[in-house]
Each structure stands twice: as C-alpha cells, then as structure tokens.
C-alpha cells in the first residue's frame, strides 16, 4: 500500500519569502485544474484552493476536483475545500482526502448562494455558532496537518462575528480567510474591511483579506488598512490573471508589469484552449467563456462595447472575431488595472436565475 502524503505542519512558503501572502479564492465552476494552470502561466498565487467538495451521506470525492490536486503542475500548494455539516461524513471525506497531496483542509463557511445556505452549509452555518464549534472541533481532531477556514462576517448581521473568531482560536485554525461581507450582502455591498482588521487583531493565526481586491495597488491599500497577512483574490483574478505577479511587484516596490489588450487576447486564447473538452459542445464552451469574459471586459473599454458584443457571440468563430476586433485593433493599448467605473460583470442570457453554488453566476454582481 502506498504511503500517505506527509501532512504540512506550517504554512508553505510564499513565492517571494517575506512578502504578504496571496491566494486564489475558491470559486465553483472556475478554479479547476485548467484554470489553475492558466493562472500559473501568468503568475501563480502563493496558494490555491479547490472548488468545494460537497459533503453529505451520498457524497464521494468529485473526480474533476481531485484532478486539480492529483495533476497539479503549478508548483504551488493546493488546499482542499469542503462544504457540509454532517460530522461523520466530513470526517470520512477528510480521511479520503488525506490520501492525496493536499496542503491542508479548508472549511467553507461563506458561500452565499441561496441553494447552498438553505441546506445550512457554507454561509448558512454562520447562524449557528454552536454547530460551527462542533464542526471545527471534529475537523481539528481529524486533520493532522493544516486546517484552514474561509469565513464571511455573518449571515444577516455581524452579531456572532466575535464568537466565531474566538472559535478559530479555540480550535487552532492555521489560516483564516475573511470575506468582509455578510452572506445576505452577497457581492453587492461595500466590503467591511474594518471587520477584517478586527479578525486580524483577535485571532492568533494569519488572516487573508478577501473581497473586492481589484488590483495590486488596491491589495497594498487593503493590507495597510487591515494589517492582514495577505490577500485572497477571486473574480479580479479572472479579469486579470497577472494580478498575483503584479502584487509581488508592488509589495517589492517595483514597477508593475504593463498589460496590453494584445496580452489579453493571448489570455483569452490560452483559456479557451485550456478549457476545451471533447465532451463539451462548442456552444456550451462558448457560453462558459462568455462568463469568464464578463469579468475581463470590465477593463477592456470604458463604454462596455466589448461586453455588449461578446455577450451576443454564438460560436467560437464569432467569439474570436469579436475579441480580435476589440483587442487587436490597438494591441498596445493598456488593459486597465482597475475595472472601468459602471462597467458591470453580469450573467449572460444562458445563466440560470439561481445557481447551485458559489459559481460564476453568483459572483457576477
């Protein structure tokens, strides 16, 4: 029988030792093996986190998520994220995951999708600190290495926040990622960075600041405001896959790499090819690309013309003709480091009204 991977007892070193940490936020239907490889090509974060493994009585480790662990060629560690509330099945899932080369086990206490929190998992658990305590206690005992948590600041309000932070200390969580919104605020409100700062002051483990980290410069501002150990970036890494490289440049006081529209055209091509599958019809693949490009388009032009045209593409040929028209007409023009004001990423017409998970659909607001 093959030996089990040796669990890590300390957080893996950063790409640039001594700098603040960076992590790619776990996003359902986004942070799969293909996307992680694309991110690594343009400049990997310090840490990756998988899409969440759903844990329930009938659950088994999803093969497509396991691939991001077993076939990891990024050179960076991957934490396996779980979402669930049944103690026995969570323990079973941890035991199964420990046969794979995970950097640690992460618990999702933040997913704001209604179909998730109505099952009293993800962000839904924030209503019940006593239940969270039971889950943390069991997972801490079951995980021999690194145990991490991703947390929102509350469900409808922040009344339980300090109690939840104390539970992180009580159960010796090794790394805490705090998204500075409540579950009910989804992705629409301003981010409450003062609550992230409160977490930094109260918990004993390093804290990653998450929520509207739009650029490397903004990451530096958020770190100064919160005194967090690093940043976790989600949708703005879809928009700008160079953002982690730029963060390292900014943290080191170096000029930031200038990104052009021609560079973005290369990113779109690489992402399209990386996510191709013989089992995925062309129209479905184009629709998935349109969901990524909803974010990319926020920095292409200030009028939203690229987004308007892109959302109407029906085929690969149409999609790339639109990309060429908007991205290669002036290939040396700068891709905006920040989203243009008023240019909103939203689901396209193929998106269901209510997605089953913290996916591209639910982060498009």
Protein backbone atom coordinates (compact mmCIF):
# COMPACT_ATOMS: atom_id res chain seq x y z
CA UNK A 1 0.00 0.00 0.00
CA UNK A 2 1.28 3.46 -0.94
CA UNK A 3 2.26 5.65 1.96
CA UNK A 4 0.15 8.68 2.73
CA UNK A 5 1.49 12.17 1.98
CA UNK A 6 3.26 13.74 4.94
CA UNK A 7 0.99 16.48 6.34
CA UNK A 8 2.37 20.00 6.49
CA UNK A 9 2.76 21.45 9.98
CA UNK A 10 3.46 25.03 8.93
CA UNK A 11 2.14 27.18 6.12
CA UNK A 12 4.04 26.69 2.84
CA UNK A 13 6.49 29.47 2.00
CA UNK A 14 5.40 32.25 -0.33
CA UNK A 15 6.72 32.56 -3.88
CA UNK A 16 8.62 35.61 -2.62
CA UNK A 17 9.55 34.83 1.00
CA UNK A 18 8.88 37.67 3.39
CA UNK A 19 6.16 39.25 1.27
CA UNK A 20 2.44 39.22 2.14
CA UNK A 21 0.67 36.04 1.06
CA UNK A 22 -1.56 35.77 -1.99
CA UNK A 23 -4.23 33.16 -2.69
CA UNK A 24 -6.68 32.45 -5.47
CA UNK A 25 -10.14 32.29 -3.94
CA UNK A 26 -12.04 29.04 -4.43
CA UNK A 27 -14.78 29.61 -6.99
CA UNK A 28 -17.20 26.93 -8.07
CA UNK A 29 -17.03 26.16 -11.81
CA UNK A 30 -13.88 28.30 -12.06
CA UNK A 31 -10.90 27.09 -10.02
CA UNK A 32 -10.46 23.74 -11.70
CA UNK A 33 -7.22 22.21 -12.97
CA UNK A 34 -7.34 24.05 -16.29
CA UNK A 35 -7.90 27.46 -14.72
CA UNK A 36 -5.18 26.92 -12.12
CA UNK A 37 -2.72 26.04 -14.87
CA UNK A 38 -3.63 29.19 -16.78
CA UNK A 39 -3.14 31.28 -13.63
CA UNK A 40 0.22 29.65 -13.02
CA UNK A 41 1.32 30.50 -16.56
CA UNK A 42 0.71 34.22 -15.97
CA UNK A 43 1.93 34.29 -12.37
CA UNK A 44 0.73 31.85 -9.72
CA UNK A 45 -0.55 32.90 -6.32
CA UNK A 46 1.17 31.53 -3.25
CA UNK A 47 -1.79 29.22 -2.53
CA UNK A 48 -4.60 27.63 -4.49
CA UNK A 49 -7.88 26.38 -3.02
CA UNK A 50 -10.10 23.86 -4.78
CA UNK A 51 -13.73 24.21 -5.67
CA UNK A 52 -15.66 22.87 -2.70
CA UNK A 53 -16.18 19.15 -2.26
CA UNK A 54 -19.85 18.70 -1.36
CA UNK A 55 -20.12 16.51 1.73
CA UNK A 56 -23.31 14.57 2.53
CA UNK A 57 -24.50 11.00 3.02
CA UNK A 58 -24.15 10.06 -0.66
CA UNK A 59 -21.08 12.13 -1.47
CA UNK A 60 -17.82 10.87 -2.87
CA UNK A 61 -14.79 12.91 -3.82
CA UNK A 62 -15.66 14.56 -7.14
CA UNK A 63 -13.19 13.33 -9.75
CA UNK A 64 -12.90 16.62 -11.59
CA UNK A 65 -11.94 18.43 -8.37
CA UNK A 66 -9.49 15.69 -7.41
CA UNK A 67 -7.73 16.24 -10.73
CA UNK A 68 -6.72 19.73 -9.60
CA UNK A 69 -4.91 18.07 -6.68
CA UNK A 70 -3.55 14.89 -8.26
CA UNK A 71 -2.45 16.52 -11.53
CA UNK A 72 -1.20 19.77 -10.04
CA UNK A 73 1.68 21.04 -12.17
CA UNK A 74 1.54 24.65 -10.98
CA UNK A 75 4.36 24.31 -8.49
CA UNK A 76 2.14 25.81 -5.79
CA UNK A 77 0.31 24.08 -2.90
CA UNK A 78 -3.42 23.35 -3.08
CA UNK A 79 -5.81 23.30 -0.14
CA UNK A 80 -8.91 21.11 -0.47
CA UNK A 81 -12.12 22.93 0.46
CA UNK A 82 -15.12 21.16 2.00
CA UNK A 83 -18.73 22.27 2.35
CA UNK A 84 -21.06 20.32 4.60
CA UNK A 85 -22.30 19.96 8.17
CA UNK A 86 -22.57 16.24 8.98
CA UNK A 87 -19.70 15.34 11.31
CA UNK A 88 -19.37 11.72 10.25
CA UNK A 89 -19.38 12.43 6.56
CA UNK A 90 -16.98 15.33 6.96
CA UNK A 91 -14.58 13.04 8.82
CA UNK A 92 -14.90 10.37 6.12
CA UNK A 93 -14.15 12.95 3.44
CA UNK A 94 -11.09 14.23 5.28
CA UNK A 95 -9.77 10.68 5.62
CA UNK A 96 -10.22 10.16 1.88
CA UNK A 97 -8.52 13.46 1.01
CA UNK A 98 -5.51 12.69 3.17
CA UNK A 99 -4.57 10.02 0.61
CA UNK A 100 -3.96 12.86 -1.84
CA UNK A 101 -1.30 15.55 -1.90
CA UNK A 102 -3.27 18.36 -0.29
CA UNK A 103 -1.55 21.20 1.50
CA UNK A 104 -4.39 21.24 4.01
CA UNK A 105 -8.13 21.03 4.53
CA UNK A 106 -10.27 24.17 4.24
CA UNK A 107 -13.83 24.59 5.54
CA UNK A 108 -16.26 26.77 3.61
CA UNK A 109 -18.25 28.98 5.99
CA UNK A 110 -19.05 31.67 3.48
CA UNK A 111 -20.79 30.56 0.28
CA UNK A 112 -23.72 33.00 -0.15
CA UNK A 113 -25.68 31.10 -2.82
CA UNK A 114 -29.26 30.59 -1.57
CA UNK A 115 -29.36 26.97 -2.71
CA UNK A 116 -26.33 26.37 -0.51
CA UNK A 117 -27.17 28.28 2.65
CA UNK A 118 -30.73 26.90 2.67
CA UNK A 119 -29.13 23.49 3.27
CA UNK A 120 -27.47 25.02 6.36
CA UNK A 121 -23.98 24.66 4.95
CA UNK A 122 -21.48 27.26 3.75
CA UNK A 123 -22.63 30.69 4.83
CA UNK A 124 -25.79 29.23 6.33
CA UNK A 125 -23.83 27.83 9.26
CA UNK A 126 -22.92 31.32 10.45
CA UNK A 127 -26.37 31.49 12.06
CA UNK A 128 -25.37 28.69 14.46
CA UNK A 129 -22.03 29.25 16.24
CA UNK A 130 -22.64 26.19 18.43
CA UNK A 131 -22.87 24.00 15.33
CA UNK A 132 -19.78 25.65 13.88
CA UNK A 133 -17.94 24.81 17.12
CA UNK A 134 -18.85 21.12 16.77
CA UNK A 135 -17.65 21.02 13.17
CA UNK A 136 -14.40 22.84 13.94
CA UNK A 137 -13.70 20.53 16.88
CA UNK A 138 -14.18 17.41 14.80
CA UNK A 139 -12.16 18.70 11.84
CA UNK A 140 -9.28 19.87 14.02
CA UNK A 141 -9.09 16.37 15.50
CA UNK A 142 -9.36 14.72 12.08
CA UNK A 143 -6.80 16.88 10.24
CA UNK A 144 -3.21 16.03 11.21
CA UNK A 145 -1.77 18.94 9.27
CA UNK A 146 -3.01 22.35 8.21
CA UNK A 147 -6.65 23.19 8.84
CA UNK A 148 -7.95 26.45 7.37
CA UNK A 149 -11.30 28.24 7.19
CA UNK A 150 -12.94 30.68 4.78
CA UNK A 151 -15.45 32.87 6.59
CA UNK A 152 -17.89 35.69 5.95
CA UNK A 153 -18.53 38.21 8.70
CA UNK A 154 -22.05 37.00 9.42
CA UNK A 155 -25.29 35.80 7.87
CA UNK A 156 -27.73 38.73 8.03
CA UNK A 157 -25.71 40.74 10.54
CA UNK A 158 -22.41 40.56 12.38
CA UNK A 159 -23.76 39.68 15.82
CA UNK A 160 -21.92 36.35 16.00
CA UNK A 161 -18.64 37.56 14.49
CA UNK A 162 -16.53 37.84 17.63
CA UNK A 163 -17.79 34.45 18.86
CA UNK A 164 -16.86 32.90 15.52
CA UNK A 165 -13.38 34.43 15.71
CA UNK A 166 -12.91 33.03 19.22
CA UNK A 167 -13.82 29.60 17.87
CA UNK A 168 -10.98 29.90 15.35
CA UNK A 169 -8.58 30.33 18.26
CA UNK A 170 -10.19 27.63 20.38
CA UNK A 171 -9.87 25.04 17.61
CA UNK A 172 -6.40 26.12 16.44
CA UNK A 173 -7.21 27.09 12.87
CA UNK A 174 -3.97 27.60 10.94
CA UNK A 175 -5.13 30.19 8.40
CA UNK A 176 -8.34 32.23 8.22
CA UNK A 177 -9.65 33.90 5.05
CA UNK A 178 -12.23 36.60 5.81
CA UNK A 179 -14.57 37.93 3.14
CA UNK A 180 -15.68 41.28 4.51
CA UNK A 181 -19.38 40.99 3.70
CA UNK A 182 -22.31 39.13 5.24
CA UNK A 183 -23.94 36.26 3.38
CA UNK A 184 -27.00 38.38 2.62
CA UNK A 185 -24.83 41.13 1.16
CA UNK A 186 -23.63 38.63 -1.47
CA UNK A 187 -21.16 40.61 -3.66
CA UNK A 188 -23.19 43.81 -3.90
CA UNK A 189 -22.27 45.88 -0.85
CA UNK A 190 -19.12 47.70 0.06
CA UNK A 191 -16.57 45.43 1.77
CA UNK A 192 -16.31 45.97 5.53
CA UNK A 193 -12.54 46.00 5.88
CA UNK A 194 -12.86 47.12 9.49
CA UNK A 195 -14.21 43.67 10.30
CA UNK A 196 -11.24 42.05 8.59
CA UNK A 197 -8.99 44.26 10.75
CA UNK A 198 -10.99 43.11 13.77
CA UNK A 199 -10.29 39.50 12.84
CA UNK A 200 -6.58 40.24 12.44
CA UNK A 201 -6.49 41.74 15.93
CA UNK A 202 -8.47 38.92 17.56
CA UNK A 203 -7.27 35.62 16.04
CA UNK A 204 -3.87 34.05 16.56
CA UNK A 205 -3.45 32.64 13.03
CA UNK A 206 -2.63 34.60 9.86
CA UNK A 207 -5.62 36.21 8.14
CA UNK A 208 -6.16 36.69 4.41
CA UNK A 209 -8.28 39.70 3.41
CA UNK A 210 -10.88 38.83 0.79
CA UNK A 211 -13.40 40.99 -1.02
CA UNK A 212 -13.03 43.43 -3.92
CA UNK A 213 -9.25 43.16 -4.17
CA UNK A 214 -9.28 44.76 -7.60
CA UNK A 215 -5.58 45.34 -8.27
CA UNK A 216 -2.10 45.10 -6.83
CA UNK A 217 -2.24 48.71 -5.68
CA UNK A 218 -5.59 48.11 -4.02
CA UNK A 219 -4.17 44.97 -2.37
CA UNK A 220 -1.46 47.09 -0.78
CA UNK A 221 -4.04 49.58 0.49
CA UNK A 222 -6.19 46.81 1.97
CA UNK A 223 -3.18 45.28 3.71
CA UNK A 224 -2.27 48.64 5.24
CA UNK A 225 -5.86 49.15 6.37
CA UNK A 226 -6.39 45.66 7.83
CA UNK A 227 -2.83 44.57 8.72
CA UNK A 228 -3.74 41.17 7.27
CA UNK A 229 -1.07 38.62 6.40
CA UNK A 230 -2.11 38.64 2.77
CA UNK A 231 -4.94 38.82 0.27
CA UNK A 232 -7.25 36.28 -1.32
CA UNK A 233 -8.43 37.31 -4.79
CA UNK A 234 -11.33 35.78 -6.74
CA UNK A 235 -13.20 37.42 -9.61
CA UNK A 236 -10.49 40.05 -10.24
CA UNK A 237 -8.04 37.23 -10.95
CA UNK A 238 -10.46 36.04 -13.64
CA UNK A 239 -10.36 39.57 -15.05
CA UNK A 240 -6.59 39.96 -14.68
CA UNK A 241 -4.55 36.74 -14.42
CA UNK A 242 -1.37 38.80 -13.97
CA UNK A 243 -2.65 40.21 -10.67
CA UNK A 244 -0.60 37.92 -8.42
CA UNK A 245 2.62 38.72 -10.28
CA UNK A 246 1.73 42.42 -10.03
CA UNK A 247 1.08 42.05 -6.30
CA UNK A 248 4.59 40.70 -5.80
CA UNK A 249 5.99 43.57 -7.85
CA UNK A 250 4.02 46.11 -5.84
CA UNK A 251 4.93 44.56 -2.48
CA UNK A 252 8.60 44.72 -3.51
CA UNK A 253 8.33 48.36 -4.58
CA UNK A 254 8.97 47.56 -8.25
CA UNK A 255 7.11 48.97 -11.28
CA UNK A 256 4.11 46.87 -12.27
CA UNK A 257 4.07 44.87 -15.46
CA UNK A 258 2.05 46.81 -18.04
CA UNK A 259 -0.71 44.67 -19.54
CA UNK A 260 -1.90 45.41 -23.07
CA UNK A 261 -5.02 44.42 -24.96
CA UNK A 262 -2.79 42.17 -27.07
CA UNK A 263 -1.75 40.37 -23.90
CA UNK A 264 -5.40 39.92 -23.02
CA UNK A 265 -6.10 38.41 -26.45
CA UNK A 266 -3.39 35.83 -25.70
CA UNK A 267 -5.01 35.12 -22.30
CA UNK A 268 -8.38 34.52 -23.94
CA UNK A 269 -6.83 32.09 -26.42
CA UNK A 270 -4.95 30.20 -23.71
CA UNK A 271 -8.04 29.99 -21.51
CA UNK A 272 -10.17 28.76 -24.39
CA UNK A 273 -7.71 26.03 -25.32
CA UNK A 274 -7.09 25.00 -21.69
CA UNK A 275 -10.80 24.55 -21.01
CA UNK A 276 -11.63 22.65 -24.20
CA UNK A 277 -13.10 19.20 -23.71
CA UNK A 278 -14.22 16.62 -26.30
CA UNK A 279 -17.34 16.09 -24.18
CA UNK A 280 -18.26 19.79 -24.19
CA UNK A 281 -20.20 21.06 -27.25
CA UNK A 282 -18.89 24.21 -28.92
CA UNK A 283 -21.91 26.33 -27.95
CA UNK A 284 -21.63 25.29 -24.29
CA UNK A 285 -17.92 26.06 -24.27
CA UNK A 286 -18.50 29.48 -25.83
CA UNK A 287 -21.13 30.20 -23.18
CA UNK A 288 -18.68 29.27 -20.42
CA UNK A 289 -16.04 31.54 -21.96
CA UNK A 290 -18.56 34.37 -22.03
CA UNK A 291 -18.90 34.03 -18.26
CA UNK A 292 -15.15 34.48 -17.80
CA UNK A 293 -15.15 37.35 -20.29
CA UNK A 294 -17.87 39.13 -18.33
CA UNK A 295 -15.06 39.97 -15.90
CA UNK A 296 -12.30 40.52 -18.47
CA UNK A 297 -14.49 43.03 -20.28
CA UNK A 298 -14.61 45.31 -17.25
CA UNK A 299 -11.10 46.52 -18.13
CA UNK A 300 -11.21 46.49 -21.94
CA UNK A 301 -13.07 49.75 -22.65
CA UNK A 302 -14.92 52.40 -20.69
CA UNK A 303 -18.13 52.14 -22.73
CA UNK A 304 -18.76 48.41 -22.33
CA UNK A 305 -18.69 47.88 -26.11
CA UNK A 306 -16.64 44.68 -25.84
CA UNK A 307 -19.05 43.24 -23.27
CA UNK A 308 -22.05 44.18 -25.42
CA UNK A 309 -20.67 42.41 -28.48
CA UNK A 310 -19.13 39.45 -26.66
CA UNK A 311 -22.38 38.52 -24.93
CA UNK A 312 -24.01 38.00 -28.34
CA UNK A 313 -21.44 35.53 -29.71
CA UNK A 314 -22.88 32.13 -30.57
CA UNK A 315 -19.84 30.27 -31.90
CA UNK A 316 -16.08 30.03 -31.49
CA UNK A 317 -15.57 31.92 -34.75
CA UNK A 318 -17.89 34.73 -33.66
CA UNK A 319 -16.31 34.96 -30.22
CA UNK A 320 -12.76 35.28 -31.52
CA UNK A 321 -13.77 37.69 -34.29
CA UNK A 322 -15.19 39.95 -31.58
CA UNK A 323 -12.05 39.54 -29.47
CA UNK A 324 -9.87 40.40 -32.45
CA UNK A 325 -11.95 43.46 -33.27
CA UNK A 326 -11.79 44.84 -29.74
CA UNK A 327 -8.40 43.60 -28.54
CA UNK A 328 -6.20 43.68 -31.63
CA UNK A 329 -7.30 46.95 -33.24
CA UNK A 330 -4.97 48.68 -30.75
CA UNK A 331 -2.99 45.79 -29.26
CA UNK A 332 -0.56 48.07 -27.39
CA UNK A 333 -3.33 49.99 -25.59
CA UNK A 334 -3.25 49.40 -21.85
CA UNK A 335 -5.66 46.97 -20.24
CA UNK A 336 -6.98 48.95 -17.29
CA UNK A 337 -5.57 47.75 -13.95
CA UNK A 338 -8.92 48.61 -12.33
CA UNK A 339 -12.41 47.91 -13.69
CA UNK A 340 -13.86 50.87 -15.53
CA UNK A 341 -16.49 52.65 -13.41
CA UNK A 342 -20.01 51.50 -14.17
CA UNK A 343 -18.95 48.51 -16.28
CA UNK A 344 -20.63 45.61 -14.50
CA UNK A 345 -19.94 41.92 -14.92
CA UNK A 346 -23.29 40.16 -15.06
CA UNK A 347 -24.51 36.72 -16.11
CA UNK A 348 -25.27 36.31 -19.78
CA UNK A 349 -28.62 35.13 -21.08
CA UNK A 350 -27.65 31.47 -20.75
CA UNK A 351 -27.18 31.81 -16.98
CA UNK A 352 -29.84 30.21 -14.76
CA UNK A 353 -31.63 32.57 -12.41
CA UNK A 354 -30.29 30.86 -9.31
CA UNK A 355 -27.08 28.89 -9.49
CA UNK A 356 -26.37 25.87 -7.34
CA UNK A 357 -23.17 27.03 -5.70
CA UNK A 358 -20.72 29.91 -5.39
CA UNK A 359 -20.15 29.85 -9.12
CA UNK A 360 -19.59 32.32 -11.92
CA UNK A 361 -23.29 33.09 -11.83
CA UNK A 362 -23.40 34.09 -8.16
CA UNK A 363 -20.22 36.21 -8.27
CA UNK A 364 -21.31 38.22 -11.28
CA UNK A 365 -22.98 41.01 -9.34
